[in-house]
C-alpha atoms as a PDB file:
ATOM      1  CA  UNK A   1     119.919  76.962  98.237  1.00  0.00           C
ATOM      2  CA  UNK A   2     118.006  75.587  95.047  1.00  0.00           C
ATOM      3  CA  UNK A   3     119.026  73.562  92.480  1.00  0.00           C
ATOM      4  CA  UNK A   4     117.231  73.852  89.015  1.00  0.00           C
ATOM      5  CA  UNK A   5     117.406  71.417  86.072  1.00  0.00           C
ATOM      6  CA  UNK A   6     117.135  72.775  82.662  1.00  0.00           C
ATOM      7  CA  UNK A   7     116.864  71.195  79.131  1.00  0.00           C
ATOM      8  CA  UNK A   8     119.958  71.573  77.063  1.00  0.00           C
ATOM      9  CA  UNK A   9     118.173  74.091  74.823  1.00  0.00           C
ATOM     10  CA  UNK A  10     117.249  76.536  77.598  1.00  0.00           C
ATOM     11  CA  UNK A  11     120.478  75.953  79.286  1.00  0.00           C
ATOM     12  CA  UNK A  12     122.175  77.261  75.895  1.00  0.00           C
ATOM     13  CA  UNK A  13     119.606  80.191  75.609  1.00  0.00           C
ATOM     14  CA  UNK A  14     120.464  81.215  79.294  1.00  0.00           C
ATOM     15  CA  UNK A  15     124.288  81.042  78.801  1.00  0.00           C
ATOM     16  CA  UNK A  16     124.108  83.259  75.583  1.00  0.00           C
ATOM     17  CA  UNK A  17     121.892  85.797  77.644  1.00  0.00           C
ATOM     18  CA  UNK A  18     124.601  85.397  80.425  1.00  0.00           C
ATOM     19  CA  UNK A  19     127.456  86.207  78.065  1.00  0.00           C
ATOM     20  CA  UNK A  20     125.450  89.096  76.230  1.00  0.00           C
ATOM     21  CA  UNK A  21     124.441  90.678  79.423  1.00  0.00           C
ATOM     22  CA  UNK A  22     127.681  90.132  81.306  1.00  0.00           C
ATOM     23  CA  UNK A  23     125.580  88.592  84.244  1.00  0.00           C
ATOM     24  CA  UNK A  24     126.087  85.359  85.755  1.00  0.00           C
ATOM     25  CA  UNK A  25     123.358  82.627  84.972  1.00  0.00           C
ATOM     26  CA  UNK A  26     122.150  82.973  88.690  1.00  0.00           C
ATOM     27  CA  UNK A  27     121.655  86.598  88.721  1.00  0.00           C
ATOM     28  CA  UNK A  28     119.408  86.334  85.555  1.00  0.00           C
ATOM     29  CA  UNK A  29     117.362  83.389  87.097  1.00  0.00           C
ATOM     30  CA  UNK A  30     117.007  85.277  90.531  1.00  0.00           C
ATOM     31  CA  UNK A  31     115.730  88.597  88.450  1.00  0.00           C
ATOM     32  CA  UNK A  32     113.310  86.410  86.462  1.00  0.00           C
ATOM     33  CA  UNK A  33     112.034  84.834  89.724  1.00  0.00           C
ATOM     34  CA  UNK A  34     111.502  88.437  91.291  1.00  0.00           C
ATOM     35  CA  UNK A  35     109.653  89.489  88.284  1.00  0.00           C
ATOM     36  CA  UNK A  36     107.464  86.443  88.096  1.00  0.00           C
ATOM     37  CA  UNK A  37     106.573  86.734  91.750  1.00  0.00           C
ATOM     38  CA  UNK A  38     105.932  90.338  91.740  1.00  0.00           C
ATOM     39  CA  UNK A  39     103.409  89.619  88.874  1.00  0.00           C
ATOM     40  CA  UNK A  40     101.921  86.884  90.610  1.00  0.00           C
ATOM     41  CA  UNK A  41     101.271  89.321  93.550  1.00  0.00           C
ATOM     42  CA  UNK A  42      99.611  91.841  91.300  1.00  0.00           C
ATOM     43  CA  UNK A  43      97.353  89.319  90.069  1.00  0.00           C
ATOM     44  CA  UNK A  44      95.975  88.548  93.414  1.00  0.00           C
ATOM     45  CA  UNK A  45      95.384  92.166  94.451  1.00  0.00           C
ATOM     46  CA  UNK A  46      92.167  93.584  94.012  1.00  0.00           C
ATOM     47  CA  UNK A  47      91.657  96.460  91.481  1.00  0.00           C
ATOM     48  CA  UNK A  48      91.400  98.982  94.411  1.00  0.00           C
ATOM     49  CA  UNK A  49      94.617  97.881  95.966  1.00  0.00           C
ATOM     50  CA  UNK A  50      96.573  98.056  92.448  1.00  0.00           C
ATOM     51  CA  UNK A  51      95.387 101.491  92.036  1.00  0.00           C
ATOM     52  CA  UNK A  52      95.006 103.023  95.609  1.00  0.00           C
ATOM     53  CA  UNK A  53      98.057 105.090  95.302  1.00  0.00           C
ATOM     54  CA  UNK A  54      96.550 106.684  92.143  1.00  0.00           C
ATOM     55  CA  UNK A  55      93.014 107.740  93.756  1.00  0.00           C
ATOM     56  CA  UNK A  56      92.617 111.375  94.440  1.00  0.00           C
ATOM     57  CA  UNK A  57      95.734 112.389  92.837  1.00  0.00           C
ATOM     58  CA  UNK A  58      94.096 114.536  90.050  1.00  0.00           C
ATOM     59  CA  UNK A  59      94.834 118.151  89.957  1.00  0.00           C
ATOM     60  CA  UNK A  60      92.050 120.108  91.503  1.00  0.00           C
ATOM     61  CA  UNK A  61      88.761 118.621  92.653  1.00  0.00           C
ATOM     62  CA  UNK A  62      87.984 117.151  95.859  1.00  0.00           C
ATOM     63  CA  UNK A  63      89.293 113.719  97.035  1.00  0.00           C
ATOM     64  CA  UNK A  64      85.639 112.724  98.019  1.00  0.00           C
ATOM     65  CA  UNK A  65      83.969 113.369  94.571  1.00  0.00           C
ATOM     66  CA  UNK A  66      82.857 109.849  94.403  1.00  0.00           C
ATOM     67  CA  UNK A  67      80.836 109.752  97.610  1.00  0.00           C
ATOM     68  CA  UNK A  68      79.713 113.556  97.546  1.00  0.00           C
ATOM     69  CA  UNK A  69      78.666 113.622  93.959  1.00  0.00           C
ATOM     70  CA  UNK A  70      75.055 114.606  94.576  1.00  0.00           C
ATOM     71  CA  UNK A  71      75.653 117.811  96.675  1.00  0.00           C
ATOM     72  CA  UNK A  72      78.519 118.588  94.489  1.00  0.00           C
ATOM     73  CA  UNK A  73      76.191 118.234  91.314  1.00  0.00           C
ATOM     74  CA  UNK A  74      73.471 120.574  93.215  1.00  0.00           C
ATOM     75  CA  UNK A  75      76.036 123.132  93.990  1.00  0.00           C
ATOM     76  CA  UNK A  76      77.162 123.548  90.458  1.00  0.00           C
ATOM     77  CA  UNK A  77      73.442 123.543  88.934  1.00  0.00           C
ATOM     78  CA  UNK A  78      72.529 126.036  91.608  1.00  0.00           C
ATOM     79  CA  UNK A  79      75.457 128.224  90.820  1.00  0.00           C
ATOM     80  CA  UNK A  80      74.781 128.050  87.131  1.00  0.00           C
ATOM     81  CA  UNK A  81      71.232 128.796  87.199  1.00  0.00           C
ATOM     82  CA  UNK A  82      70.916 131.211  90.302  1.00  0.00           C
ATOM     83  CA  UNK A  83      69.208 134.475  89.279  1.00  0.00           C
END
């Protein structure tokens, strides 16, 4: 259980939002904390961790193009200029 003290102005804004959305103030605060915590987690992750599910998802090509670029380039140049 957690108790939070809000200033009067913020309490009024929260109550207005609660009425407008048809949600309890607790539900709004829980969602806000959830979003805040998720944002904080993302800020502590490395760029690799943030995008690792996207790497290698492009259509075509090879998944190891970044480590095999020299051999891939040689193959393409050899194929283009082969006589």
